Amino acid sequence: MLPAAARLTRSQDFGLVVRRGRRAGRPRLVVHALVRSTGQQTSTESSARPTLDMSKVGFVVSKAVGNSVVRHRVSRKLRHVVRDRLARLPEGTSLVVRALPASAEASSADLAADFDAALRKLLR
């Protein structure tokens, strides 16, 4: 299970990561990442940033993926994949993982390979 402190829960945080973050697409998922800069922040920048100190992750699994059983299965697989890699993210990183319809038939290993490839692209 992904710890509660490592979950994106606010709609504003999801929107901010998707709008301002970098994106890497793979055949089964799209990963959006917003890495917190270590520089000085103005007051307007600090209010626009997610309220995060540690890395957080959110998941988007739409009805295009399948019915509720399939969507929940994909969500569980993605949470398991991300949980094992959370410690390797730079501190303050926000991720939104969006599952594509092809993820419905994907194994955990396939999702892990896509997630790792997308993460490598985003964090280089």
Protein backbone atom coordinates (compact mmCIF):
# COMPACT_ATOMS: atom_id res chain seq x y z
CA MET A 1 0.00 0.00 0.00
CA LEU A 2 1.17 3.51 -0.78
CA PRO A 3 1.51 5.54 2.45
CA ALA A 4 -1.15 8.23 2.91
CA ALA A 5 1.56 10.90 3.22
CA ALA A 6 2.81 10.00 -0.27
CA ARG A 7 -0.53 10.50 -2.04
CA LEU A 8 -1.71 13.49 -4.02
CA THR A 9 -5.25 14.17 -2.88
CA ARG A 10 -6.08 17.77 -3.78
CA SER A 11 -7.52 18.52 -7.19
CA GLN A 12 -5.40 21.69 -7.34
CA ASP A 13 -2.22 19.65 -6.92
CA PHE A 14 -3.23 17.27 -9.72
CA GLY A 15 -3.97 20.21 -12.01
CA LEU A 16 -0.73 21.97 -11.18
CA VAL A 17 1.41 18.91 -11.86
CA VAL A 18 -0.33 18.25 -15.18
CA ARG A 19 -0.19 21.90 -16.30
CA ARG A 20 3.31 22.88 -15.16
CA GLY A 21 5.13 19.58 -14.98
CA ARG A 22 7.01 17.67 -17.65
CA ARG A 23 5.31 14.77 -19.41
CA ALA A 24 6.58 11.43 -20.68
CA GLY A 25 4.27 9.09 -22.55
CA ARG A 26 4.59 5.34 -22.91
CA PRO A 27 2.28 2.81 -24.60
CA ARG A 28 0.35 2.00 -21.41
CA LEU A 29 0.67 5.16 -19.30
CA VAL A 30 1.62 8.83 -19.20
CA VAL A 31 3.64 10.24 -16.31
CA HIS A 32 3.56 13.93 -15.41
CA ALA A 33 6.30 15.14 -13.03
CA LEU A 34 6.84 18.42 -11.25
CA VAL A 35 10.18 18.59 -9.47
CA ARG A 36 10.43 21.21 -6.76
CA SER A 37 13.21 23.68 -7.45
CA THR A 38 15.66 24.42 -4.65
CA GLY A 39 15.95 28.11 -5.56
CA GLN A 40 14.24 31.07 -3.94
CA GLN A 41 10.48 31.27 -4.34
CA THR A 42 8.40 34.40 -4.46
CA SER A 43 5.15 34.52 -2.54
CA THR A 44 3.11 33.92 -5.71
CA GLU A 45 5.22 30.89 -6.64
CA SER A 46 4.88 29.34 -3.20
CA SER A 47 1.10 29.63 -3.30
CA ALA A 48 0.99 28.06 -6.79
CA ARG A 49 3.15 25.09 -5.82
CA PRO A 50 1.65 21.96 -4.33
CA THR A 51 1.74 21.76 -0.55
CA LEU A 52 4.43 19.09 -0.56
CA ASP A 53 7.63 18.42 1.30
CA MET A 54 8.09 14.78 0.43
CA SER A 55 7.45 13.14 -2.92
CA LYS A 56 3.81 12.49 -3.70
CA VAL A 57 2.00 10.52 -6.35
CA GLY A 58 -1.52 10.61 -7.77
CA PHE A 59 -3.22 8.26 -10.20
CA VAL A 60 -5.76 8.87 -12.94
CA VAL A 61 -7.52 5.78 -14.29
CA SER A 62 -10.48 6.83 -16.42
CA LYS A 63 -13.46 4.86 -17.66
CA ALA A 64 -11.65 4.49 -21.00
CA VAL A 65 -9.48 1.85 -19.28
CA GLY A 66 -12.44 -0.39 -18.49
CA ASN A 67 -15.18 -1.06 -15.99
CA SER A 68 -14.70 -0.47 -12.27
CA VAL A 69 -13.15 -3.88 -11.63
CA VAL A 70 -10.52 -3.33 -14.33
CA ARG A 71 -9.84 0.25 -13.23
CA HIS A 72 -9.28 -0.80 -9.61
CA ARG A 73 -7.01 -3.65 -10.69
CA VAL A 74 -4.91 -1.22 -12.77
CA SER A 75 -4.82 1.26 -9.87
CA ARG A 76 -3.57 -1.42 -7.48
CA LYS A 77 -0.87 -2.52 -9.90
CA LEU A 78 0.28 1.07 -10.41
CA ARG A 79 0.34 1.79 -6.66
CA HIS A 80 2.46 -1.31 -6.13
CA VAL A 81 4.89 -0.30 -8.89
CA VAL A 82 5.25 3.27 -7.64
CA ARG A 83 5.56 2.30 -3.96
CA ASP A 84 8.78 0.41 -4.65
CA ARG A 85 10.28 3.39 -6.51
CA LEU A 86 9.12 6.27 -4.31
CA ALA A 87 12.36 6.51 -2.33
CA ARG A 88 14.36 7.03 -5.53
CA LEU A 89 12.48 10.21 -6.46
CA PRO A 90 14.06 13.58 -5.68
CA GLU A 91 12.58 15.14 -2.55
CA GLY A 92 9.50 17.23 -3.24
CA THR A 93 8.70 15.59 -6.58
CA SER A 94 5.03 15.38 -7.52
CA LEU A 95 3.91 12.72 -9.98
CA VAL A 96 0.62 12.09 -11.71
CA VAL A 97 0.39 8.70 -13.41
CA ARG A 98 -2.38 8.48 -16.02
CA ALA A 99 -3.30 5.00 -17.19
CA LEU A 100 -4.13 4.54 -20.88
CA PRO A 101 -6.61 1.94 -22.18
CA ALA A 102 -3.78 -0.48 -23.06
CA SER A 103 -2.96 -0.77 -19.35
CA ALA A 104 -6.08 -2.90 -18.82
CA GLU A 105 -4.40 -5.99 -20.28
CA ALA A 106 -0.90 -5.16 -19.03
CA SER A 107 0.91 -7.16 -16.38
CA SER A 108 2.61 -5.52 -13.42
CA ALA A 109 5.99 -6.09 -15.11
CA ASP A 110 4.78 -4.28 -18.25
CA LEU A 111 3.50 -1.34 -16.21
CA ALA A 112 6.75 -1.25 -14.21
CA ALA A 113 8.84 -1.18 -17.41
CA ASP A 114 6.75 1.68 -18.83
CA PHE A 115 6.87 3.61 -15.56
CA ASP A 116 10.66 3.19 -15.26
CA ALA A 117 11.22 4.33 -18.84
CA ALA A 118 9.00 7.38 -18.37
CA LEU A 119 10.68 8.26 -15.09
CA ARG A 120 14.17 7.99 -16.62
CA LYS A 121 13.10 10.38 -19.36
CA LEU A 122 11.62 12.88 -16.91
CA LEU A 123 14.45 12.93 -14.38
CA ARG A 124 17.42 13.19 -16.72
